[in-house]
Structure formats: structure tokens, C-alpha cells
C-alpha atoms as a PDB file:
ATOM      1  CA  MET A   1      11.213  -5.967  42.654  1.00  0.00           C
ATOM      2  CA  GLY A   2      11.366  -8.375  39.685  1.00  0.00           C
ATOM      3  CA  LYS A   3       7.624  -8.087  38.999  1.00  0.00           C
ATOM      4  CA  LEU A   4       7.804  -4.310  39.096  1.00  0.00           C
ATOM      5  CA  LEU A   5      10.653  -4.311  36.574  1.00  0.00           C
ATOM      6  CA  ILE A   6       8.672  -6.582  34.241  1.00  0.00           C
ATOM      7  CA  ILE A   7       5.617  -4.320  34.493  1.00  0.00           C
ATOM      8  CA  VAL A   8       7.707  -1.213  33.767  1.00  0.00           C
ATOM      9  CA  VAL A   9       9.351  -2.894  30.754  1.00  0.00           C
ATOM     10  CA  LEU A  10       5.979  -4.052  29.394  1.00  0.00           C
ATOM     11  CA  LEU A  11       4.491  -0.586  29.807  1.00  0.00           C
ATOM     12  CA  PHE A  12       7.507   0.938  28.058  1.00  0.00           C
ATOM     13  CA  LEU A  13       7.217  -1.518  25.139  1.00  0.00           C
ATOM     14  CA  PHE A  14       3.473  -0.857  24.856  1.00  0.00           C
ATOM     15  CA  TYR A  15       4.121   2.895  24.773  1.00  0.00           C
ATOM     16  CA  VAL A  16       6.841   2.583  22.118  1.00  0.00           C
ATOM     17  CA  PHE A  17       4.668   0.321  19.953  1.00  0.00           C
ATOM     18  CA  TYR A  18       1.621   2.565  20.277  1.00  0.00           C
ATOM     19  CA  ALA A  19       3.599   5.772  19.632  1.00  0.00           C
ATOM     20  CA  CYS A  20       5.239   4.308  16.513  1.00  0.00           C
ATOM     21  CA  GLU A  21       1.943   3.010  15.154  1.00  0.00           C
ATOM     22  CA  LYS A  22       0.202   6.312  15.765  1.00  0.00           C
ATOM     23  CA  GLN A  23       3.027   8.251  14.108  1.00  0.00           C
ATOM     24  CA  GLU A  24       2.867   5.907  11.114  1.00  0.00           C
ATOM     25  CA  ASN A  25      -0.809   6.759  10.527  1.00  0.00           C
ATOM     26  CA  GLN A  26      -0.660  10.550  10.579  1.00  0.00           C
ATOM     27  CA  GLY A  27      -1.864  12.153   7.378  1.00  0.00           C
ATOM     28  CA  THR A  28      -2.603  10.711   3.970  1.00  0.00           C
ATOM     29  CA  GLY A  29      -0.966  10.393   0.598  1.00  0.00           C
ATOM     30  CA  SER A  30      -2.136   8.979  -2.699  1.00  0.00           C
ATOM     31  CA  VAL A  31      -1.136   6.553  -5.401  1.00  0.00           C
ATOM     32  CA  THR A  32      -2.015   6.436  -9.091  1.00  0.00           C
ATOM     33  CA  VAL A  33      -1.970   2.834 -10.275  1.00  0.00           C
ATOM     34  CA  TYR A  34      -1.497   1.661 -13.869  1.00  0.00           C
ATOM     35  CA  THR A  35      -0.164  -1.200 -15.987  1.00  0.00           C
ATOM     36  CA  LEU A  36       1.612  -1.394 -19.340  1.00  0.00           C
ATOM     37  CA  SER A  37       0.573  -5.042 -19.728  1.00  0.00           C
ATOM     38  CA  ASN A  38      -2.037  -6.269 -22.216  1.00  0.00           C
ATOM     39  CA  GLN A  39      -3.278  -8.651 -19.539  1.00  0.00           C
ATOM     40  CA  SER A  40      -6.146  -7.732 -17.215  1.00  0.00           C
ATOM     41  CA  TRP A  41      -5.240  -7.324 -13.544  1.00  0.00           C
ATOM     42  CA  SER A  42      -7.186  -6.483 -10.421  1.00  0.00           C
ATOM     43  CA  LEU A  43      -5.418  -4.456  -7.736  1.00  0.00           C
ATOM     44  CA  ILE A  44      -5.155  -5.725  -4.160  1.00  0.00           C
ATOM     45  CA  ILE A  45      -3.640  -3.516  -1.457  1.00  0.00           C
ATOM     46  CA  ASP A  46      -3.009  -5.166   1.905  1.00  0.00           C
ATOM     47  CA  GLY A  47      -5.669  -7.767   1.139  1.00  0.00           C
ATOM     48  CA  LYS A  48      -8.380  -5.317  -0.005  1.00  0.00           C
ATOM     49  CA  GLU A  49      -9.397  -5.494  -3.664  1.00  0.00           C
ATOM     50  CA  TYR A  50      -9.668  -2.163  -5.521  1.00  0.00           C
ATOM     51  CA  GLY A  51     -10.779  -3.347  -8.968  1.00  0.00           C
ATOM     52  CA  LYS A  52      -9.324  -3.483 -12.466  1.00  0.00           C
ATOM     53  CA  ILE A  53      -6.044  -1.735 -13.213  1.00  0.00           C
ATOM     54  CA  LYS A  54      -6.261   0.440 -16.333  1.00  0.00           C
ATOM     55  CA  LYS A  55      -3.722  -0.048 -19.122  1.00  0.00           C
ATOM     56  CA  ALA A  56      -1.570   2.916 -20.044  1.00  0.00           C
ATOM     57  CA  THR A  57       0.797   3.517 -22.953  1.00  0.00           C
ATOM     58  CA  GLN A  58       3.142   5.408 -20.640  1.00  0.00           C
ATOM     59  CA  MET A  59       3.308   6.431 -16.995  1.00  0.00           C
ATOM     60  CA  PRO A  60       0.310   8.678 -16.233  1.00  0.00           C
ATOM     61  CA  VAL A  61       0.554  11.930 -14.336  1.00  0.00           C
ATOM     62  CA  CYS A  62      -0.084  11.503 -10.640  1.00  0.00           C
ATOM     63  CA  GLY A  63      -3.774  12.052  -9.938  1.00  0.00           C
ATOM     64  CA  ASP A  64      -4.861  11.492 -13.579  1.00  0.00           C
ATOM     65  CA  PRO A  65      -8.636  10.867 -13.341  1.00  0.00           C
ATOM     66  CA  GLY A  66      -8.432   8.213 -16.070  1.00  0.00           C
ATOM     67  CA  TYR A  67      -6.625   5.837 -13.682  1.00  0.00           C
ATOM     68  CA  GLN A  68      -7.093   4.448 -10.193  1.00  0.00           C
ATOM     69  CA  ASN A  69      -6.240   7.144  -7.678  1.00  0.00           C
ATOM     70  CA  ILE A  70      -6.308   5.847  -4.145  1.00  0.00           C
ATOM     71  CA  THR A  71      -5.863   7.879  -0.976  1.00  0.00           C
ATOM     72  CA  LEU A  72      -4.242   5.957   1.866  1.00  0.00           C
ATOM     73  CA  ALA A  73      -3.034   6.740   5.371  1.00  0.00           C
ATOM     74  CA  THR A  74       0.725   7.219   5.518  1.00  0.00           C
ATOM     75  CA  GLY A  75       2.593   3.955   5.908  1.00  0.00           C
ATOM     76  CA  ASN A  76       3.815   0.923   4.017  1.00  0.00           C
ATOM     77  CA  TYR A  77       1.493  -1.112   1.815  1.00  0.00           C
ATOM     78  CA  LYS A  78       1.721  -4.401  -0.062  1.00  0.00           C
ATOM     79  CA  PHE A  79       0.407  -4.130  -3.644  1.00  0.00           C
ATOM     80  CA  VAL A  80      -0.535  -7.378  -5.421  1.00  0.00           C
ATOM     81  CA  ALA A  81      -2.190  -8.031  -8.793  1.00  0.00           C
ATOM     82  CA  LYS A  82      -4.747 -10.764  -9.433  1.00  0.00           C
ATOM     83  CA  SER A  83      -5.263 -12.005 -12.981  1.00  0.00           C
ATOM     84  CA  LEU A  84      -8.683 -11.367 -14.510  1.00  0.00           C
ATOM     85  CA  ASP A  85      -8.032 -13.279 -17.746  1.00  0.00           C
ATOM     86  CA  GLY A  86      -6.475 -16.548 -16.663  1.00  0.00           C
ATOM     87  CA  HIS A  87      -2.822 -15.491 -16.535  1.00  0.00           C
ATOM     88  CA  ALA A  88      -1.268 -16.425 -13.233  1.00  0.00           C
ATOM     89  CA  TRP A  89       0.878 -14.099 -11.177  1.00  0.00           C
ATOM     90  CA  ASP A  90       2.402 -15.556  -8.078  1.00  0.00           C
ATOM     91  CA  MET A  91       0.470 -14.025  -5.179  1.00  0.00           C
ATOM     92  CA  ASN A  92       3.750 -14.058  -3.271  1.00  0.00           C
ATOM     93  CA  SER A  93       5.039 -11.492  -5.773  1.00  0.00           C
ATOM     94  CA  TYR A  94       4.241  -8.023  -4.585  1.00  0.00           C
ATOM     95  CA  ILE A  95       5.383  -4.419  -4.563  1.00  0.00           C
ATOM     96  CA  LEU A  96       5.970  -2.590  -1.298  1.00  0.00           C
ATOM     97  CA  VAL A  97       4.891   1.034  -1.525  1.00  0.00           C
ATOM     98  CA  ARG A  98       5.596   3.729   1.050  1.00  0.00           C
ATOM     99  CA  VAL A  99       2.799   6.324   1.159  1.00  0.00           C
ATOM    100  CA  GLU A 100       3.958   9.658   2.532  1.00  0.00           C
ATOM    101  CA  LYS A 101       1.888  12.550   3.851  1.00  0.00           C
ATOM    102  CA  GLY A 102       0.787  14.913   1.092  1.00  0.00           C
ATOM    103  CA  GLN A 103       2.667  12.978  -1.609  1.00  0.00           C
ATOM    104  CA  CYS A 104       1.403  11.155  -4.685  1.00  0.00           C
ATOM    105  CA  LYS A 105       3.212   8.216  -6.274  1.00  0.00           C
ATOM    106  CA  GLN A 106       2.700   6.447  -9.572  1.00  0.00           C
ATOM    107  CA  VAL A 107       2.705   2.662  -9.106  1.00  0.00           C
ATOM    108  CA  ARG A 108       3.170   0.398 -12.121  1.00  0.00           C
ATOM    109  CA  ILE A 109       1.814  -3.116 -11.788  1.00  0.00           C
ATOM    110  CA  LYS A 110       3.368  -5.659 -14.162  1.00  0.00           C
END
């Protein structure tokens, strides 16, 4: 009886985990990334590098082709900047961004 209960609980937990993960990844949204800093930064999202972040004088319109526009599956992402000109930014400093289905967000780095 005890083994059966453990198996049922494990199957239930697996189902809940799988269902939540699958729900998290339904659809896509986008982000437009920019900086107001004079320093050069490279964008890293969840460990994947996306290249240099373009400097703006003000927040760009979402989807502006002059800036990085990245389409991502819905979910939470960790945005980090890596210095390209010798200025250090603590890699433990990051921005958490929630990407929602069909939505676009402007994300300012530094």
C-alpha cells in the first residue's frame, strides 16, 4: 500500500510539473531592448548572448526596427548586460522580465 501511494504521489507531481511547464510555454511575446548609457553593453538572456544593445536618447517604441527586437516564448527571463568597453557590471545584477503572449515590452538595460 505504501509503495502504491508513493507512485501515485510521484505521478501526480510529474503531471503538475509538466502541465505548469507546458502552460508557461504557450505562445510568444517580444521585447525591445535599449540603453541610455554611453557605455557599450552586450545583451544576455538566460545565458544566451544576443549582441550589442543600441543606445537610445529616450525609450523607443515597442518593435522599433532600430533596436533589438527579440521574440521569446511566454515565461520569465533573466536579462544581464556584459560590458564591451571594460566597464564592469556585476553579473549577479540582472533584470527579470515576464514575456506574455502577444505582448511587447520595452526593456532598458543600465
